[in-house]
Amino acid sequence: MVRRNTGVTVRAVDTDACPVREVLDRVAGKWSVQILVAAAAGPTRFTELERGIEGISRRMLSLTLRHLERDGLVTRTVHPTVPPKVEYELTPASRELLPTLRRLAHWAERNGVYIAEARAAYDTEHPPELLDVGPV
């Protein structure tokens, strides 16, 4: 099969072909789920999110919040105080998503040990050098 230059970028084709993928990549990201669940209580300050999400760096929190804001999942409000008070809040779209995210988080908590045991069993049967051989 010959691919011709149609003037359409691969990224545009991928986005048009599967619009769900891009949204799920953002929403299901490692930190996005935790941020959305942590911000569910109402307007939440940056430092509250930082303290409430174990292992996240300031840079990653800032970057993920910026992406979530761009995607319309959180709003950012800057209050004119000294120093400025910045709060993040879920949008109606992310509030609609919240019950699903909470179920996913609870499922992960309930099944974390099972998954760790399954990985250990798999790794015992499949040495690491066999994992990098290409498509199965």
Protein backbone atom coordinates (compact mmCIF):
# COMPACT_ATOMS: atom_id res chain seq x y z
CA MET A 1 0.00 0.00 0.00
CA VAL A 2 1.35 3.39 -0.97
CA ARG A 3 0.82 6.39 1.31
CA ARG A 4 0.39 9.65 -0.48
CA ASN A 5 0.87 13.11 0.94
CA THR A 6 -2.66 14.41 1.39
CA GLY A 7 -1.64 17.49 3.32
CA VAL A 8 -3.22 16.09 6.48
CA THR A 9 -0.87 15.49 9.38
CA VAL A 10 -0.75 12.13 11.11
CA ARG A 11 -1.82 13.83 14.33
CA ALA A 12 -4.93 15.26 12.66
CA VAL A 13 -5.82 11.86 11.23
CA ASP A 14 -5.32 10.17 14.60
CA THR A 15 -7.44 12.78 16.37
CA ASP A 16 -10.23 12.53 13.79
CA ALA A 17 -10.08 8.75 13.75
CA CYS A 18 -10.33 8.35 17.51
CA PRO A 19 -11.44 11.50 19.33
CA VAL A 20 -11.98 9.53 22.52
CA ARG A 21 -8.31 8.57 22.79
CA GLU A 22 -7.03 12.10 23.33
CA VAL A 23 -9.61 12.84 26.02
CA LEU A 24 -8.98 9.56 27.84
CA ASP A 25 -5.22 10.08 27.67
CA ARG A 26 -5.63 13.37 29.52
CA VAL A 27 -8.34 12.37 32.00
CA ALA A 28 -6.85 8.99 32.84
CA GLY A 29 -3.34 10.31 33.33
CA LYS A 30 -1.47 9.30 36.46
CA TRP A 31 -1.95 12.65 38.17
CA SER A 32 -5.17 13.87 36.56
CA VAL A 33 -7.40 11.37 38.33
CA GLN A 34 -5.86 12.18 41.70
CA ILE A 35 -6.13 15.93 41.14
CA LEU A 36 -9.76 15.75 40.08
CA VAL A 37 -10.69 13.56 43.04
CA ALA A 38 -8.75 15.82 45.44
CA ALA A 39 -10.39 18.98 44.08
CA ALA A 40 -13.90 17.53 44.36
CA ALA A 41 -14.58 19.04 47.79
CA GLY A 42 -14.87 22.52 46.34
CA PRO A 43 -12.50 25.36 45.61
CA THR A 44 -9.05 24.03 46.48
CA ARG A 45 -5.79 25.90 46.75
CA PHE A 46 -2.64 24.77 44.98
CA THR A 47 -0.87 24.00 48.27
CA GLU A 48 -3.81 21.89 49.47
CA LEU A 49 -3.59 19.81 46.30
CA GLU A 50 0.18 19.53 46.65
CA ARG A 51 -0.12 18.29 50.25
CA GLY A 52 -3.01 15.96 49.44
CA ILE A 53 -1.43 14.14 46.50
CA GLU A 54 1.47 11.99 47.59
CA GLY A 55 4.51 12.00 45.32
CA ILE A 56 3.51 14.81 42.96
CA SER A 57 6.07 17.53 42.32
CA ARG A 58 5.14 21.20 42.17
CA ARG A 59 6.07 21.26 38.50
CA MET A 60 3.93 18.23 37.64
CA LEU A 61 0.99 19.56 39.64
CA SER A 62 1.24 22.93 37.89
CA LEU A 63 1.57 21.34 34.45
CA THR A 64 -1.31 18.92 34.99
CA LEU A 65 -3.56 21.67 36.36
CA ARG A 66 -2.77 23.78 33.31
CA HIS A 67 -3.74 20.89 31.01
CA LEU A 68 -6.93 20.22 32.97
CA GLU A 69 -7.81 23.91 32.79
CA ARG A 70 -7.16 23.96 29.04
CA ASP A 71 -9.38 20.91 28.61
CA GLY A 72 -12.19 22.60 30.53
CA LEU A 73 -12.05 20.23 33.50
CA VAL A 74 -10.96 22.73 36.16
CA THR A 75 -11.33 26.45 36.54
CA ARG A 76 -8.59 28.61 38.02
CA THR A 77 -9.55 31.67 40.05
CA VAL A 78 -6.95 34.22 41.15
CA HIS A 79 -8.09 36.40 44.06
CA PRO A 80 -6.52 39.88 44.18
CA THR A 81 -4.76 39.53 47.52
CA VAL A 82 -1.14 39.80 48.56
CA PRO A 83 0.13 37.20 47.99
CA PRO A 84 -2.38 36.18 45.31
CA LYS A 85 -4.75 33.42 46.38
CA VAL A 86 -5.30 30.88 43.60
CA GLU A 87 -8.07 28.29 43.76
CA TYR A 88 -9.02 25.42 41.49
CA GLU A 89 -12.50 24.05 41.11
CA LEU A 90 -14.09 21.29 39.05
CA THR A 91 -16.25 22.26 36.10
CA PRO A 92 -19.66 20.68 35.45
CA ALA A 93 -18.04 18.31 32.93
CA SER A 94 -15.54 16.99 35.48
CA ARG A 95 -18.24 16.80 38.17
CA GLU A 96 -20.14 14.51 35.82
CA LEU A 97 -16.99 12.39 35.48
CA LEU A 98 -16.25 12.33 39.22
CA PRO A 99 -18.34 9.26 40.23
CA THR A 100 -16.56 7.20 37.57
CA LEU A 101 -13.14 8.43 38.73
CA ARG A 102 -13.98 7.60 42.33
CA ARG A 103 -15.06 4.09 41.35
CA LEU A 104 -11.82 3.69 39.42
CA ALA A 105 -9.78 4.90 42.41
CA HIS A 106 -11.61 2.53 44.78
CA TRP A 107 -11.13 -0.35 42.34
CA ALA A 108 -7.38 0.40 42.21
CA GLU A 109 -7.17 0.45 46.01
CA ARG A 110 -9.06 -2.86 46.32
CA ASN A 111 -7.06 -4.61 43.61
CA GLY A 112 -3.58 -3.17 44.11
CA VAL A 113 -2.31 -6.23 45.99
CA TYR A 114 -3.82 -8.60 43.40
CA ILE A 115 -2.12 -6.72 40.55
CA ALA A 116 1.23 -6.65 42.38
CA GLU A 117 1.00 -10.42 42.94
CA ALA A 118 0.05 -11.03 39.30
CA ARG A 119 3.02 -8.95 38.12
CA ALA A 120 5.40 -10.83 40.40
CA ALA A 121 4.09 -14.19 39.14
CA TYR A 122 4.36 -13.07 35.52
CA ASP A 123 7.89 -11.72 36.04
CA THR A 124 8.92 -15.04 37.60
CA GLU A 125 7.69 -16.94 34.53
CA HIS A 126 8.90 -14.40 31.97
CA PRO A 127 12.45 -13.14 32.54
CA PRO A 128 12.94 -9.43 31.63
CA GLU A 129 15.20 -10.20 28.68
CA LEU A 130 12.26 -11.93 26.96
CA LEU A 131 10.03 -8.87 27.25
CA ASP A 132 11.98 -6.75 24.73
CA VAL A 133 11.78 -9.05 21.72
CA GLY A 134 9.13 -7.10 19.77
CA PRO A 135 5.52 -7.86 18.91
CA VAL A 136 4.02 -11.05 20.25
